Amino acid sequence: MKTIAAIAGLALALASGSAFAAASQEGLVNVKTGDIGVPALNNTTVQVPIGIAAQVCGVDANVIAKDRDTALANCTVTQTSANKDFMNFIQKKTN
């Protein structure tokens, strides 16, 4: 009986953890990077909040929120376009 209760508790914890992970990803968009001064993240795609993506890509956040697929299609962040918020977010996620 204790085993069944433990399994049920574990299943509930995993389910709520999955729901939290999905909810925490809301508001993130994919942004391409060029040379941003972080070798492991140069020429790749990173997920950042809409507000930061809007700043570094020069696009209104409303535009990105409405059409995430095409709003950032021509945006590639480089060392010159990356701002402090972008770099802080990237460093926080990679540590």
Protein backbone atom coordinates (compact mmCIF):
# COMPACT_ATOMS: atom_id res chain seq x y z
CA MET A 1 0.00 0.00 0.00
CA LYS A 2 2.86 2.38 0.83
CA THR A 3 4.39 1.63 -2.57
CA ILE A 4 1.19 2.60 -4.39
CA ALA A 5 0.99 5.84 -2.40
CA ALA A 6 4.65 6.61 -3.16
CA ILE A 7 4.18 5.95 -6.88
CA ALA A 8 1.05 8.11 -6.95
CA GLY A 9 2.91 10.91 -5.16
CA LEU A 10 5.83 10.67 -7.59
CA ALA A 11 3.48 10.73 -10.58
CA LEU A 12 1.73 13.81 -9.21
CA ALA A 13 5.06 15.56 -8.59
CA LEU A 14 6.25 14.80 -12.13
CA ALA A 15 2.97 15.95 -13.64
CA SER A 16 3.03 19.24 -11.76
CA GLY A 17 6.70 19.72 -12.62
CA SER A 18 5.92 19.23 -16.31
CA ALA A 19 3.09 21.74 -16.12
CA PHE A 20 5.41 24.25 -14.45
CA ALA A 21 8.10 23.73 -17.08
CA ALA A 22 5.60 24.31 -19.87
CA ALA A 23 4.25 27.43 -18.19
CA SER A 24 7.73 28.84 -17.60
CA GLN A 25 8.51 28.54 -21.33
CA GLU A 26 5.64 30.85 -22.24
CA GLY A 27 6.90 34.16 -23.50
CA LEU A 28 10.19 32.77 -24.79
CA VAL A 29 11.07 33.08 -28.46
CA ASN A 30 13.91 31.72 -30.56
CA VAL A 31 16.55 34.24 -31.63
CA LYS A 32 19.46 33.43 -33.93
CA THR A 33 22.91 34.45 -32.76
CA GLY A 34 25.90 35.43 -34.79
CA ASP A 35 29.14 36.29 -33.03
CA ILE A 36 28.04 37.34 -29.54
CA GLY A 37 31.40 36.77 -27.86
CA VAL A 38 30.39 33.48 -26.25
CA PRO A 39 32.00 30.75 -28.39
CA ALA A 40 29.57 28.03 -27.30
CA LEU A 41 26.60 30.20 -28.31
CA ASN A 42 27.91 31.76 -31.52
CA ASN A 43 25.91 30.88 -34.65
CA THR A 44 23.13 29.04 -32.86
CA THR A 45 19.58 29.69 -31.67
CA VAL A 46 18.71 30.70 -28.12
CA GLN A 47 15.39 31.20 -26.33
CA VAL A 48 14.89 34.58 -24.73
CA PRO A 49 11.89 36.48 -23.35
CA ILE A 50 9.84 38.45 -25.89
CA GLY A 51 10.85 41.78 -24.32
CA ILE A 52 14.57 41.09 -24.70
CA ALA A 53 14.11 39.76 -28.25
CA ALA A 54 12.23 42.94 -29.14
CA GLN A 55 15.08 45.10 -27.81
CA VAL A 56 17.93 43.31 -29.59
CA CYS A 57 16.02 42.83 -32.83
CA GLY A 58 14.43 46.26 -33.04
CA VAL A 59 10.90 44.85 -33.29
CA ASP A 60 7.90 45.77 -31.16
CA ALA A 61 7.08 43.13 -28.56
CA ASN A 62 3.44 43.16 -29.75
CA VAL A 63 4.56 42.15 -33.23
CA ILE A 64 6.59 39.24 -31.86
CA ALA A 65 3.75 38.11 -29.58
CA LYS A 66 1.30 38.06 -32.50
CA ASP A 67 3.52 36.30 -35.02
CA ARG A 68 6.55 34.66 -33.43
CA ASP A 69 7.49 32.68 -36.53
CA THR A 70 7.95 35.57 -38.94
CA ALA A 71 8.57 38.57 -36.64
CA LEU A 72 12.14 37.42 -35.92
CA ALA A 73 12.83 35.72 -39.24
CA ASN A 74 15.52 38.23 -40.24
CA CYS A 75 16.97 38.87 -36.80
CA THR A 76 20.46 37.67 -35.94
CA VAL A 77 21.95 39.02 -32.73
CA THR A 78 25.64 39.96 -32.86
CA GLN A 79 28.05 41.49 -30.36
CA THR A 80 27.07 44.96 -31.51
CA SER A 81 23.31 44.35 -31.24
CA ALA A 82 23.32 42.26 -28.05
CA ASN A 83 22.48 44.40 -25.03
CA LYS A 84 23.20 43.88 -21.34
CA ASP A 85 19.79 42.28 -20.67
CA PHE A 86 20.35 39.76 -23.48
CA MET A 87 23.84 38.82 -22.30
CA ASN A 88 22.76 38.59 -18.65
CA PHE A 89 19.86 36.30 -19.57
CA ILE A 90 22.11 34.07 -21.71
CA GLN A 91 24.78 33.86 -19.01
CA LYS A 92 22.18 33.06 -16.34
CA LYS A 93 20.77 30.23 -18.47
CA THR A 94 24.17 28.73 -19.27
CA ASN A 95 25.44 28.72 -15.67
